[in-house]
């Protein structure tokens, strides 16, 4: 679904930029924050409304113990946002809402261990083999936030921006797999499903992903 929506959003935004309905200004922004490094382009639609599209990217590796199993996690943040900003006082302050095409994902690999407690049973490392997981989220996620852009209202020039908000990316979807000889055993498959539920519960804090960013904007 995302592959179809993203090109469509690009077409809409291209038409937006070429529109002459309002003789407003265009702007570009660079920023960094909890979604990683970001680049945005936008256009004022009126004295109080503007639209922008942005991309963000970041990767981060870390280790953590979840449900009594230690994992090496690789977090990949990849998002494309299409947002509307409302400046209620026609100044720097803005309220924002829109959608995020969400490529955020976690890959997990269980670290070497003599035994693994999976579901209701303990298995040896030779039985399980490698234990890997993929955790992803909703492809399309709503966003709401607020911020300040000191370049807003200028005909041209440089400004400072700050943004805080949240993306609702849904309950994490966990898919675990093992390579060992028990991987096709019905009892193990049932226990692995329980482990997926446990890991999903442990990662529920990712349901809402916080957005906090600072950067620079330029209007032209």
N, C-alpha and C. Protein backbone atom coordinates (compact mmCIF):
# COMPACT_ATOMS: atom_id res chain seq x y z
N UNK A 1 0.82 -1.20 0.00
CA UNK A 1 0.00 0.00 0.00
C UNK A 1 0.86 1.25 0.00
N UNK A 2 1.93 1.23 0.79
CA UNK A 2 2.80 2.41 0.87
C UNK A 2 3.39 2.76 -0.48
N UNK A 3 3.75 1.74 -1.28
CA UNK A 3 4.36 1.99 -2.58
C UNK A 3 3.43 2.77 -3.50
N UNK A 4 2.10 2.60 -3.30
CA UNK A 4 1.14 3.32 -4.12
C UNK A 4 0.89 4.74 -3.58
N UNK A 5 0.89 4.87 -2.25
CA UNK A 5 0.52 6.15 -1.64
C UNK A 5 1.62 7.18 -1.79
N UNK A 6 2.87 6.77 -1.63
CA UNK A 6 3.97 7.72 -1.67
C UNK A 6 4.06 8.44 -3.02
N UNK A 7 4.03 7.73 -4.18
CA UNK A 7 4.05 8.47 -5.45
C UNK A 7 2.87 9.42 -5.59
N UNK A 8 1.69 9.00 -5.11
CA UNK A 8 0.52 9.86 -5.19
C UNK A 8 0.72 11.13 -4.38
N UNK A 9 1.31 10.99 -3.18
CA UNK A 9 1.55 12.17 -2.35
C UNK A 9 2.57 13.09 -2.99
N UNK A 10 3.54 12.54 -3.68
CA UNK A 10 4.53 13.36 -4.38
C UNK A 10 3.87 14.17 -5.49
N UNK A 11 2.93 13.55 -6.20
CA UNK A 11 2.21 14.27 -7.26
C UNK A 11 1.41 15.42 -6.67
N UNK A 12 0.70 15.15 -5.56
CA UNK A 12 -0.10 16.19 -4.91
C UNK A 12 0.79 17.35 -4.47
N UNK A 13 1.93 17.01 -3.91
CA UNK A 13 2.81 18.08 -3.41
C UNK A 13 3.42 18.87 -4.57
N UNK A 14 3.71 18.23 -5.67
CA UNK A 14 4.21 18.94 -6.85
C UNK A 14 3.17 19.93 -7.37
N UNK A 15 1.91 19.49 -7.41
CA UNK A 15 0.83 20.40 -7.82
C UNK A 15 0.68 21.56 -6.84
N UNK A 16 0.87 21.25 -5.56
CA UNK A 16 0.78 22.29 -4.55
C UNK A 16 1.83 23.38 -4.79
N UNK A 17 3.04 22.96 -5.08
CA UNK A 17 4.13 23.92 -5.28
C UNK A 17 3.90 24.76 -6.54
N UNK A 18 3.29 24.15 -7.54
CA UNK A 18 3.10 24.87 -8.80
C UNK A 18 1.84 25.73 -8.80
N UNK A 19 1.03 25.60 -7.73
CA UNK A 19 -0.22 26.35 -7.67
C UNK A 19 0.05 27.86 -7.53
N UNK A 20 -0.76 28.64 -8.20
CA UNK A 20 -0.64 30.09 -8.09
C UNK A 20 -1.83 30.68 -7.34
N UNK A 21 -2.56 29.81 -6.61
CA UNK A 21 -3.75 30.28 -5.89
C UNK A 21 -3.39 31.28 -4.80
N UNK A 22 -2.20 31.17 -4.26
CA UNK A 22 -1.76 32.10 -3.21
C UNK A 22 -0.32 32.48 -3.49
N UNK A 23 -0.06 33.78 -3.47
CA UNK A 23 1.30 34.23 -3.78
C UNK A 23 2.17 34.17 -2.54
N UNK A 24 2.20 33.00 -1.90
CA UNK A 24 2.98 32.83 -0.69
C UNK A 24 4.40 32.42 -1.00
N UNK A 25 5.13 32.11 0.08
CA UNK A 25 6.53 31.78 -0.08
C UNK A 25 6.75 30.28 0.06
N UNK A 26 7.86 29.84 -0.51
CA UNK A 26 8.30 28.46 -0.35
C UNK A 26 9.37 28.42 0.73
N UNK A 27 9.58 27.24 1.30
CA UNK A 27 10.62 27.13 2.32
C UNK A 27 11.20 25.72 2.31
N UNK A 28 12.44 25.63 2.75
CA UNK A 28 13.10 24.35 2.96
C UNK A 28 13.66 24.35 4.38
N UNK A 29 13.76 23.15 4.95
CA UNK A 29 14.23 23.03 6.33
C UNK A 29 15.15 21.83 6.45
N UNK A 30 16.13 21.96 7.32
CA UNK A 30 16.93 20.82 7.74
C UNK A 30 16.81 20.74 9.26
N UNK A 31 16.72 19.49 9.77
CA UNK A 31 16.53 19.35 11.21
C UNK A 31 17.04 18.00 11.68
N UNK A 32 17.18 17.88 12.97
CA UNK A 32 17.60 16.64 13.57
C UNK A 32 16.84 16.43 14.87
N UNK A 33 16.58 15.16 15.20
CA UNK A 33 15.83 14.87 16.40
C UNK A 33 15.63 13.38 16.59
N UNK A 34 14.54 13.02 17.25
CA UNK A 34 14.29 11.62 17.60
C UNK A 34 13.93 10.76 16.40
N UNK A 35 13.60 11.38 15.27
CA UNK A 35 13.38 10.63 14.02
C UNK A 35 14.64 10.58 13.16
N UNK A 36 15.72 11.17 13.65
CA UNK A 36 16.96 11.20 12.90
C UNK A 36 17.16 12.51 12.16
N UNK A 37 17.94 12.44 11.10
CA UNK A 37 18.19 13.62 10.27
C UNK A 37 17.02 13.81 9.31
N UNK A 38 16.61 15.07 9.12
CA UNK A 38 15.44 15.32 8.29
C UNK A 38 15.64 16.46 7.31
N UNK A 39 14.90 16.38 6.22
CA UNK A 39 14.87 17.42 5.19
C UNK A 39 13.43 17.65 4.80
N UNK A 40 13.00 18.91 4.75
CA UNK A 40 11.62 19.24 4.42
C UNK A 40 11.57 20.33 3.35
N UNK A 41 10.45 20.32 2.62
CA UNK A 41 10.14 21.40 1.69
C UNK A 41 8.67 21.73 1.86
N UNK A 42 8.33 23.02 1.78
CA UNK A 42 6.94 23.40 2.00
C UNK A 42 6.58 24.69 1.30
N UNK A 43 5.30 25.05 1.46
CA UNK A 43 4.78 26.26 0.81
C UNK A 43 3.67 26.85 1.66
N UNK A 44 3.65 28.16 1.79
CA UNK A 44 2.55 28.84 2.46
C UNK A 44 1.33 28.85 1.55
N UNK A 45 0.17 28.47 2.09
CA UNK A 45 -1.07 28.47 1.32
C UNK A 45 -1.91 29.71 1.61
N UNK A 46 -1.69 30.29 2.79
CA UNK A 46 -2.36 31.54 3.18
C UNK A 46 -1.51 32.17 4.28
N UNK A 47 -2.03 33.23 4.89
CA UNK A 47 -1.28 33.87 5.96
C UNK A 47 -1.14 32.98 7.20
N UNK A 48 -2.02 31.98 7.33
CA UNK A 48 -1.99 31.15 8.53
C UNK A 48 -1.86 29.65 8.25
N UNK A 49 -1.89 29.24 6.99
CA UNK A 49 -1.83 27.81 6.65
C UNK A 49 -0.64 27.55 5.73
N UNK A 50 0.11 26.50 6.02
CA UNK A 50 1.18 26.06 5.13
C UNK A 50 1.19 24.54 5.06
N UNK A 51 1.82 24.01 4.05
CA UNK A 51 1.93 22.56 3.86
C UNK A 51 3.40 22.21 3.66
N UNK A 52 3.76 21.03 4.12
CA UNK A 52 5.16 20.61 3.97
C UNK A 52 5.24 19.09 3.84
N UNK A 53 6.30 18.67 3.17
CA UNK A 53 6.62 17.25 3.04
C UNK A 53 8.05 17.06 3.51
N UNK A 54 8.29 15.99 4.26
CA UNK A 54 9.64 15.77 4.79
C UNK A 54 10.03 14.31 4.80
N UNK A 55 11.33 14.08 4.83
CA UNK A 55 11.88 12.74 4.96
C UNK A 55 12.84 12.73 6.15
N UNK A 56 12.88 11.60 6.86
CA UNK A 56 13.78 11.45 8.00
C UNK A 56 14.42 10.06 7.93
N UNK A 57 15.66 9.99 8.43
CA UNK A 57 16.37 8.71 8.40
C UNK A 57 17.36 8.63 9.55
N UNK A 58 17.42 7.45 10.17
CA UNK A 58 18.39 7.22 11.25
C UNK A 58 18.45 5.73 11.54
N UNK A 59 19.61 5.23 11.94
CA UNK A 59 19.75 3.85 12.39
C UNK A 59 20.48 3.83 13.73
N UNK A 60 20.13 2.83 14.54
CA UNK A 60 20.72 2.75 15.88
C UNK A 60 20.70 1.30 16.34
N UNK A 61 21.82 0.82 16.86
CA UNK A 61 21.94 -0.54 17.38
C UNK A 61 22.07 -0.50 18.89
N UNK A 62 21.39 -1.43 19.56
CA UNK A 62 21.50 -1.52 21.01
C UNK A 62 21.14 -2.93 21.46
N UNK A 63 21.44 -3.25 22.70
CA UNK A 63 21.15 -4.56 23.28
C UNK A 63 20.20 -4.38 24.46
N UNK A 64 19.30 -5.35 24.64
CA UNK A 64 18.36 -5.29 25.76
C UNK A 64 17.83 -6.69 26.03
N UNK A 65 17.42 -6.91 27.26
CA UNK A 65 16.81 -8.18 27.65
C UNK A 65 15.30 -8.00 27.70
N UNK A 66 14.60 -8.78 26.91
CA UNK A 66 13.14 -8.74 26.86
C UNK A 66 12.61 -10.16 27.06
N UNK A 67 11.70 -10.31 28.00
CA UNK A 67 11.09 -11.61 28.29
C UNK A 67 12.15 -12.67 28.54
N UNK A 68 13.16 -12.29 29.34
CA UNK A 68 14.24 -13.19 29.79
C UNK A 68 15.19 -13.64 28.68
N UNK A 69 15.12 -13.01 27.53
CA UNK A 69 16.04 -13.33 26.44
C UNK A 69 16.77 -12.05 26.05
N UNK A 70 18.09 -12.13 25.94
CA UNK A 70 18.87 -10.95 25.54
C UNK A 70 18.95 -10.87 24.02
N UNK A 71 18.60 -9.71 23.50
CA UNK A 71 18.60 -9.48 22.06
C UNK A 71 19.55 -8.35 21.69
N UNK A 72 20.11 -8.45 20.50
CA UNK A 72 20.75 -7.32 19.84
C UNK A 72 19.73 -6.73 18.88
N UNK A 73 19.35 -5.48 19.12
CA UNK A 73 18.34 -4.83 18.30
C UNK A 73 19.00 -3.86 17.32
N UNK A 74 18.43 -3.79 16.14
CA UNK A 74 18.83 -2.79 15.14
C UNK A 74 17.58 -1.99 14.78
N UNK A 75 17.58 -0.72 15.18
CA UNK A 75 16.44 0.15 14.93
C UNK A 75 16.69 0.96 13.67
N UNK A 76 15.76 0.88 12.74
CA UNK A 76 15.84 1.67 11.51
C UNK A 76 14.66 2.62 11.43
N UNK A 77 14.94 3.93 11.40
CA UNK A 77 13.90 4.95 11.30
C UNK A 77 13.90 5.51 9.89
N UNK A 78 12.79 5.28 9.18
CA UNK A 78 12.65 5.77 7.81
C UNK A 78 11.21 6.26 7.66
N UNK A 79 11.03 7.57 7.54
CA UNK A 79 9.68 8.12 7.45
C UNK A 79 9.59 9.19 6.37
N UNK A 80 8.40 9.28 5.80
CA UNK A 80 8.07 10.35 4.86
C UNK A 80 6.77 10.97 5.37
N UNK A 81 6.77 12.28 5.62
CA UNK A 81 5.61 12.93 6.21
C UNK A 81 4.99 13.94 5.24
N UNK A 82 3.66 14.05 5.31
CA UNK A 82 2.90 15.07 4.58
C UNK A 82 2.03 15.78 5.61
N UNK A 83 2.32 17.05 5.89
CA UNK A 83 1.72 17.75 7.02
C UNK A 83 1.14 19.10 6.62
N UNK A 84 0.13 19.52 7.36
CA UNK A 84 -0.42 20.87 7.29
C UNK A 84 -0.11 21.59 8.60
N UNK A 85 0.30 22.84 8.50
CA UNK A 85 0.58 23.67 9.67
C UNK A 85 -0.43 24.81 9.74
N UNK A 86 -0.95 25.03 10.94
CA UNK A 86 -1.83 26.17 11.18
C UNK A 86 -1.13 27.11 12.14
N UNK A 87 -0.95 28.34 11.70
CA UNK A 87 -0.36 29.40 12.53
C UNK A 87 -1.51 30.27 13.04
N UNK A 88 -2.08 29.97 14.21
CA UNK A 88 -3.30 30.66 14.66
C UNK A 88 -3.10 32.15 14.89
N UNK A 89 -1.87 32.57 15.16
CA UNK A 89 -1.59 33.99 15.40
C UNK A 89 -0.80 34.60 14.24
N UNK A 90 -0.72 33.84 13.13
CA UNK A 90 0.00 34.27 11.93
C UNK A 90 1.44 34.65 12.26
N UNK A 91 2.02 33.87 13.17
CA UNK A 91 3.40 34.11 13.58
C UNK A 91 4.19 32.82 13.59
N UNK A 92 5.15 32.72 14.48
CA UNK A 92 6.06 31.57 14.51
C UNK A 92 5.38 30.31 15.03
N UNK A 93 4.46 30.45 15.99
CA UNK A 93 3.83 29.28 16.60
C UNK A 93 2.93 28.57 15.59
N UNK A 94 2.96 27.22 15.62
CA UNK A 94 2.15 26.45 14.68
C UNK A 94 1.62 25.18 15.35
N UNK A 95 0.45 24.76 14.91
CA UNK A 95 -0.13 23.46 15.24
C UNK A 95 -0.11 22.64 13.96
N UNK A 96 0.32 21.38 14.08
CA UNK A 96 0.54 20.56 12.88
C UNK A 96 -0.20 19.24 12.96
N UNK A 97 -0.62 18.75 11.82
CA UNK A 97 -1.23 17.43 11.72
C UNK A 97 -1.06 16.87 10.32
N UNK A 98 -1.13 15.57 10.21
CA UNK A 98 -0.99 14.94 8.91
C UNK A 98 -0.71 13.47 9.03
N UNK A 99 -0.11 12.92 7.99
CA UNK A 99 0.18 11.48 7.97
C UNK A 99 1.67 11.26 7.74
N UNK A 100 2.12 10.14 8.26
CA UNK A 100 3.50 9.72 8.09
C UNK A 100 3.49 8.35 7.42
N UNK A 101 4.20 8.23 6.30
CA UNK A 101 4.40 6.94 5.66
C UNK A 101 5.60 6.30 6.35
N UNK A 102 5.31 5.24 7.07
CA UNK A 102 6.17 4.78 8.15
C UNK A 102 6.97 3.54 7.75
N UNK A 103 8.29 3.71 7.70
CA UNK A 103 9.18 2.58 7.47
C UNK A 103 9.98 2.20 8.69
N UNK A 104 9.54 2.69 9.88
CA UNK A 104 10.24 2.34 11.11
C UNK A 104 10.20 0.83 11.37
N UNK A 105 11.32 0.28 11.83
CA UNK A 105 11.41 -1.17 11.98
C UNK A 105 12.50 -1.53 12.97
N UNK A 106 12.29 -2.63 13.68
CA UNK A 106 13.28 -3.20 14.58
C UNK A 106 13.63 -4.61 14.11
N UNK A 107 14.90 -4.89 13.99
CA UNK A 107 15.36 -6.26 13.77
C UNK A 107 16.03 -6.74 15.04
N UNK A 108 15.74 -7.99 15.43
CA UNK A 108 16.26 -8.53 16.67
C UNK A 108 16.97 -9.85 16.41
N UNK A 109 18.07 -10.05 17.12
CA UNK A 109 18.81 -11.31 17.06
C UNK A 109 19.18 -11.70 18.48
N UNK A 110 18.72 -12.85 18.93
CA UNK A 110 19.04 -13.31 20.28
C UNK A 110 20.54 -13.59 20.38
N UNK A 111 21.15 -13.11 21.44
CA UNK A 111 22.58 -13.35 21.64
C UNK A 111 22.79 -14.79 22.11
N UNK A 112 24.01 -15.29 21.92
CA UNK A 112 24.33 -16.68 22.26
C UNK A 112 24.03 -16.97 23.72
N UNK A 113 23.37 -18.10 23.96
CA UNK A 113 23.02 -18.51 25.31
C UNK A 113 22.97 -20.02 25.37
N UNK A 114 23.28 -20.58 26.52
CA UNK A 114 23.24 -22.05 26.66
C UNK A 114 21.81 -22.56 26.54
N UNK A 115 20.86 -21.80 27.09
CA UNK A 115 19.45 -22.18 27.02
C UNK A 115 18.60 -20.94 26.74
N UNK A 116 17.39 -21.18 26.24
CA UNK A 116 16.43 -20.11 25.99
C UNK A 116 15.10 -20.49 26.62
N UNK A 117 14.53 -19.56 27.40
CA UNK A 117 13.19 -19.75 27.93
C UNK A 117 12.20 -19.17 26.93
N UNK A 118 11.54 -20.04 26.20
CA UNK A 118 10.63 -19.62 25.14
C UNK A 118 9.24 -20.14 25.48
N UNK A 119 8.32 -19.22 25.67
CA UNK A 119 6.98 -19.63 26.06
C UNK A 119 7.00 -20.30 27.42
N UNK A 120 6.51 -21.55 27.48
CA UNK A 120 6.43 -22.28 28.74
C UNK A 120 7.51 -23.33 28.89
N UNK A 121 8.56 -23.28 28.08
CA UNK A 121 9.55 -24.35 28.10
C UNK A 121 10.95 -23.79 27.89
N UNK A 122 11.94 -24.49 28.43
CA UNK A 122 13.34 -24.13 28.24
C UNK A 122 13.94 -25.04 27.17
N UNK A 123 14.63 -24.40 26.21
CA UNK A 123 15.25 -25.13 25.10
C UNK A 123 16.75 -24.87 25.12
N UNK A 124 17.51 -25.85 24.65
CA UNK A 124 18.96 -25.66 24.54
C UNK A 124 19.28 -24.86 23.28
N UNK A 125 20.47 -24.30 23.26
CA UNK A 125 20.90 -23.53 22.10
C UNK A 125 20.96 -24.39 20.85
N UNK A 126 21.36 -25.65 21.00
CA UNK A 126 21.44 -26.54 19.83
C UNK A 126 20.07 -26.86 19.28
N UNK A 127 19.05 -26.87 20.14
CA UNK A 127 17.69 -27.12 19.68
C UNK A 127 17.13 -25.92 18.92
N UNK A 128 17.39 -24.74 19.44
CA UNK A 128 16.81 -23.53 18.86
C UNK A 128 17.58 -23.05 17.64
N UNK A 129 18.92 -23.17 17.68
CA UNK A 129 19.73 -22.56 16.64
C UNK A 129 19.72 -21.05 16.81
N UNK A 130 19.69 -20.32 15.71
CA UNK A 130 19.59 -18.86 15.80
C UNK A 130 18.13 -18.47 16.02
N UNK A 131 17.93 -17.43 16.80
CA UNK A 131 16.59 -16.92 17.09
C UNK A 131 16.56 -15.45 16.66
N UNK A 132 15.79 -15.16 15.61
CA UNK A 132 15.76 -13.82 15.03
C UNK A 132 14.33 -13.30 14.98
N UNK A 133 14.22 -11.99 14.96
CA UNK A 133 12.90 -11.39 14.91
C UNK A 133 12.84 -10.16 14.04
N UNK A 134 11.65 -9.91 13.52
CA UNK A 134 11.35 -8.69 12.78
C UNK A 134 10.16 -8.01 13.46
N UNK A 135 10.31 -6.74 13.77
CA UNK A 135 9.26 -5.97 14.42
C UNK A 135 8.97 -4.75 13.56
N UNK A 136 7.75 -4.65 13.06
CA UNK A 136 7.40 -3.46 12.29
C UNK A 136 6.06 -2.90 12.75
N UNK A 137 5.62 -1.83 12.09
CA UNK A 137 4.48 -1.05 12.56
C UNK A 137 3.58 -0.70 11.37
N UNK A 138 2.50 0.03 11.66
CA UNK A 138 1.58 0.43 10.60
C UNK A 138 2.32 1.21 9.51
N UNK A 139 1.97 0.93 8.26
CA UNK A 139 2.62 1.61 7.14
C UNK A 139 2.24 3.09 7.08
N UNK A 140 1.03 3.42 7.47
CA UNK A 140 0.54 4.80 7.45
C UNK A 140 0.13 5.18 8.87
N UNK A 141 0.69 6.25 9.40
CA UNK A 141 0.48 6.63 10.79
C UNK A 141 0.12 8.10 10.89
N UNK A 142 -0.90 8.44 11.71
CA UNK A 142 -1.24 9.85 11.90
C UNK A 142 -0.22 10.55 12.80
N UNK A 143 -0.07 11.85 12.58
CA UNK A 143 0.85 12.67 13.37
C UNK A 143 0.13 13.92 13.85
N UNK A 144 0.42 14.33 15.08
CA UNK A 144 -0.05 15.59 15.60
C UNK A 144 1.06 16.22 16.42
N UNK A 145 1.21 17.53 16.32
CA UNK A 145 2.28 18.17 17.06
C UNK A 145 2.14 19.68 17.07
N UNK A 146 3.09 20.33 17.68
CA UNK A 146 3.15 21.79 17.69
C UNK A 146 4.61 22.21 17.61
N UNK A 147 4.81 23.48 17.27
CA UNK A 147 6.19 23.93 17.15
C UNK A 147 6.28 25.42 16.86
N UNK A 148 7.49 25.85 16.59
CA UNK A 148 7.78 27.24 16.27
C UNK A 148 8.73 27.28 15.08
N UNK A 149 8.48 28.19 14.16
CA UNK A 149 9.37 28.43 13.03
C UNK A 149 9.51 29.95 12.89
N UNK A 150 10.66 30.47 13.30
CA UNK A 150 10.83 31.92 13.34
C UNK A 150 10.92 32.56 11.96
N UNK A 151 11.03 31.73 10.91
CA UNK A 151 11.04 32.30 9.55
C UNK A 151 9.62 32.53 9.03
N UNK A 152 8.62 31.99 9.71
CA UNK A 152 7.23 32.13 9.25
C UNK A 152 6.82 33.60 9.25
N UNK A 153 6.18 34.00 8.16
CA UNK A 153 5.75 35.38 8.01
C UNK A 153 6.75 36.27 7.29
N UNK A 154 7.98 35.77 7.12
CA UNK A 154 8.97 36.54 6.37
C UNK A 154 8.81 36.28 4.87
N UNK A 155 9.15 37.27 4.08
CA UNK A 155 9.16 37.07 2.64
C UNK A 155 10.30 36.17 2.23
N UNK A 156 11.43 36.35 2.89
CA UNK A 156 12.57 35.46 2.68
C UNK A 156 13.50 35.59 3.87
N UNK A 157 14.34 34.57 4.04
CA UNK A 157 15.30 34.63 5.12
C UNK A 157 15.37 33.36 5.94
N UNK A 158 16.33 33.35 6.84
CA UNK A 158 16.66 32.18 7.65
C UNK A 158 15.92 32.24 8.99
N UNK A 159 15.53 31.07 9.49
CA UNK A 159 14.85 31.01 10.78
C UNK A 159 15.22 29.76 11.55
N UNK A 160 14.89 29.76 12.82
CA UNK A 160 15.11 28.62 13.70
C UNK A 160 13.78 27.91 13.92
N UNK A 161 13.80 26.57 13.96
CA UNK A 161 12.56 25.83 14.19
C UNK A 161 12.72 24.83 15.32
N UNK A 162 11.61 24.61 16.00
CA UNK A 162 11.52 23.62 17.07
C UNK A 162 10.18 22.90 16.92
N UNK A 163 10.17 21.58 17.15
CA UNK A 163 8.96 20.82 16.94
C UNK A 163 8.85 19.71 17.98
N UNK A 164 7.64 19.49 18.49
CA UNK A 164 7.37 18.38 19.41
C UNK A 164 6.01 17.78 19.04
N UNK A 165 5.92 16.46 19.08
CA UNK A 165 4.68 15.81 18.71
C UNK A 165 4.78 14.31 18.90
N UNK A 166 3.87 13.59 18.27
CA UNK A 166 3.85 12.13 18.40
C UNK A 166 3.26 11.50 17.15
N UNK A 167 3.81 10.35 16.78
CA UNK A 167 3.29 9.53 15.70
C UNK A 167 2.61 8.31 16.32
N UNK A 168 1.37 8.06 15.93
CA UNK A 168 0.71 6.83 16.37
C UNK A 168 0.97 5.76 15.30
N UNK A 169 1.93 4.87 15.59
CA UNK A 169 2.31 3.87 14.59
C UNK A 169 1.75 2.49 14.89
N UNK A 170 0.90 2.37 15.90
CA UNK A 170 0.19 1.13 16.16
C UNK A 170 0.99 0.13 16.98
N UNK A 171 0.31 -0.94 17.37
CA UNK A 171 0.93 -2.00 18.15
C UNK A 171 2.01 -2.68 17.31
N UNK A 172 3.21 -2.88 17.87
CA UNK A 172 4.27 -3.54 17.10
C UNK A 172 3.87 -4.95 16.67
N UNK A 173 4.22 -5.29 15.45
CA UNK A 173 3.95 -6.63 14.92
C UNK A 173 5.25 -7.43 14.97
N UNK A 174 5.26 -8.49 15.76
CA UNK A 174 6.47 -9.26 16.02
C UNK A 174 6.42 -10.60 15.28
N UNK A 175 7.49 -10.92 14.58
CA UNK A 175 7.61 -12.19 13.88
C UNK A 175 8.96 -12.81 14.24
N UNK A 176 8.93 -13.88 15.05
CA UNK A 176 10.16 -14.57 15.46
C UNK A 176 10.34 -15.84 14.66
N UNK A 177 11.59 -16.20 14.41
CA UNK A 177 11.89 -17.44 13.69
C UNK A 177 13.15 -18.06 14.28
N UNK A 178 13.21 -19.39 14.23
CA UNK A 178 14.37 -20.14 14.71
C UNK A 178 14.86 -21.05 13.60
N UNK A 179 16.14 -21.38 13.65
CA UNK A 179 16.74 -22.20 12.58
C UNK A 179 17.06 -23.62 13.03
N UNK A 180 16.84 -23.93 14.32
CA UNK A 180 17.25 -25.22 14.86
C UNK A 180 16.28 -26.35 14.54
N UNK A 181 16.59 -27.56 14.99
CA UNK A 181 15.78 -28.74 14.68
C UNK A 181 14.37 -28.70 15.26
N UNK A 182 14.13 -27.90 16.29
CA UNK A 182 12.78 -27.86 16.86
C UNK A 182 11.89 -26.84 16.16
N UNK A 183 12.41 -26.16 15.15
CA UNK A 183 11.67 -25.06 14.53
C UNK A 183 10.35 -25.50 13.91
N UNK A 184 10.24 -26.78 13.55
CA UNK A 184 9.00 -27.29 12.94
C UNK A 184 8.15 -28.08 13.92
N UNK A 185 8.59 -28.16 15.18
CA UNK A 185 7.83 -28.90 16.19
C UNK A 185 6.60 -28.10 16.61
N UNK A 186 5.40 -28.70 16.61
CA UNK A 186 4.18 -27.95 16.94
C UNK A 186 4.22 -27.31 18.32
N UNK A 187 4.78 -28.01 19.31
CA UNK A 187 4.85 -27.44 20.66
C UNK A 187 5.77 -26.21 20.67
N UNK A 188 6.88 -26.31 19.95
CA UNK A 188 7.80 -25.16 19.89
C UNK A 188 7.15 -23.99 19.17
N UNK A 189 6.45 -24.27 18.09
CA UNK A 189 5.78 -23.21 17.34
C UNK A 189 4.77 -22.49 18.24
N UNK A 190 4.05 -23.25 19.08
CA UNK A 190 3.10 -22.65 20.00
C UNK A 190 3.81 -21.78 21.05
N UNK A 191 4.93 -22.30 21.57
CA UNK A 191 5.70 -21.52 22.55
C UNK A 191 6.32 -20.28 21.92
N UNK A 192 6.74 -20.40 20.67
CA UNK A 192 7.32 -19.26 19.98
C UNK A 192 6.26 -18.17 19.78
N UNK A 193 5.03 -18.60 19.53
CA UNK A 193 3.94 -17.64 19.40
C UNK A 193 3.72 -16.89 20.72
N UNK A 194 3.83 -17.60 21.84
CA UNK A 194 3.71 -16.96 23.15
C UNK A 194 4.85 -15.96 23.36
N UNK A 195 6.04 -16.34 22.91
CA UNK A 195 7.20 -15.45 23.04
C UNK A 195 7.00 -14.19 22.20
N UNK A 196 6.39 -14.34 21.02
CA UNK A 196 6.08 -13.17 20.19
C UNK A 196 5.13 -12.23 20.93
N UNK A 197 4.12 -12.81 21.60
CA UNK A 197 3.18 -11.99 22.37
C UNK A 197 3.89 -11.27 23.52
N UNK A 198 4.80 -11.98 24.19
CA UNK A 198 5.54 -11.38 25.30
C UNK A 198 6.41 -10.22 24.82
N UNK A 199 7.10 -10.45 23.68
CA UNK A 199 7.97 -9.42 23.14
C UNK A 199 7.16 -8.23 22.65
N UNK A 200 5.99 -8.52 22.07
CA UNK A 200 5.12 -7.44 21.61
C UNK A 200 4.68 -6.57 22.78
N UNK A 201 4.33 -7.21 23.90
CA UNK A 201 3.92 -6.45 25.10
C UNK A 201 5.07 -5.61 25.64
N UNK A 202 6.28 -6.18 25.59
CA UNK A 202 7.46 -5.46 26.09
C UNK A 202 7.79 -4.25 25.23
N UNK A 203 7.38 -4.28 23.96
CA UNK A 203 7.71 -3.19 23.04
C UNK A 203 6.54 -2.25 22.80
N UNK A 204 5.49 -2.36 23.63
CA UNK A 204 4.32 -1.51 23.44
C UNK A 204 4.62 -0.03 23.58
N UNK A 205 5.75 0.32 24.23
CA UNK A 205 6.10 1.74 24.35
C UNK A 205 6.42 2.36 22.99
N UNK A 206 6.60 1.53 21.95
CA UNK A 206 6.85 2.06 20.61
C UNK A 206 5.54 2.37 19.87
N UNK A 207 4.37 2.08 20.48
CA UNK A 207 3.09 2.34 19.82
C UNK A 207 2.96 3.81 19.43
N UNK A 208 3.32 4.69 20.37
CA UNK A 208 3.39 6.12 20.10
C UNK A 208 4.87 6.49 20.02
N UNK A 209 5.29 6.98 18.86
CA UNK A 209 6.70 7.36 18.74
C UNK A 209 6.82 8.87 18.92
N UNK A 210 7.61 9.31 19.90
CA UNK A 210 7.72 10.76 20.15
C UNK A 210 8.54 11.46 19.07
N UNK A 211 8.14 12.67 18.77
CA UNK A 211 8.86 13.50 17.81
C UNK A 211 9.36 14.74 18.54
N UNK A 212 10.65 14.95 18.48
CA UNK A 212 11.28 16.14 19.04
C UNK A 212 12.41 16.52 18.10
N UNK A 213 12.38 17.72 17.59
CA UNK A 213 13.36 18.11 16.57
C UNK A 213 13.68 19.60 16.66
N UNK A 214 14.89 19.95 16.28
CA UNK A 214 15.31 21.34 16.13
C UNK A 214 15.99 21.46 14.77
N UNK A 215 16.01 22.66 14.22
CA UNK A 215 16.64 22.82 12.93
C UNK A 215 16.60 24.25 12.44
N UNK A 216 16.89 24.39 11.14
CA UNK A 216 16.89 25.69 10.48
C UNK A 216 15.98 25.64 9.27
N UNK A 217 15.32 26.75 9.01
CA UNK A 217 14.46 26.85 7.83
C UNK A 217 14.87 28.10 7.04
N UNK A 218 14.62 28.02 5.74
CA UNK A 218 14.93 29.17 4.88
C UNK A 218 13.77 29.39 3.92
N UNK A 219 13.26 30.60 3.88
CA UNK A 219 12.15 30.97 2.99
C UNK A 219 12.67 31.76 1.80
N UNK A 220 12.07 31.50 0.65
CA UNK A 220 12.54 32.15 -0.58
C UNK A 220 11.40 32.41 -1.54
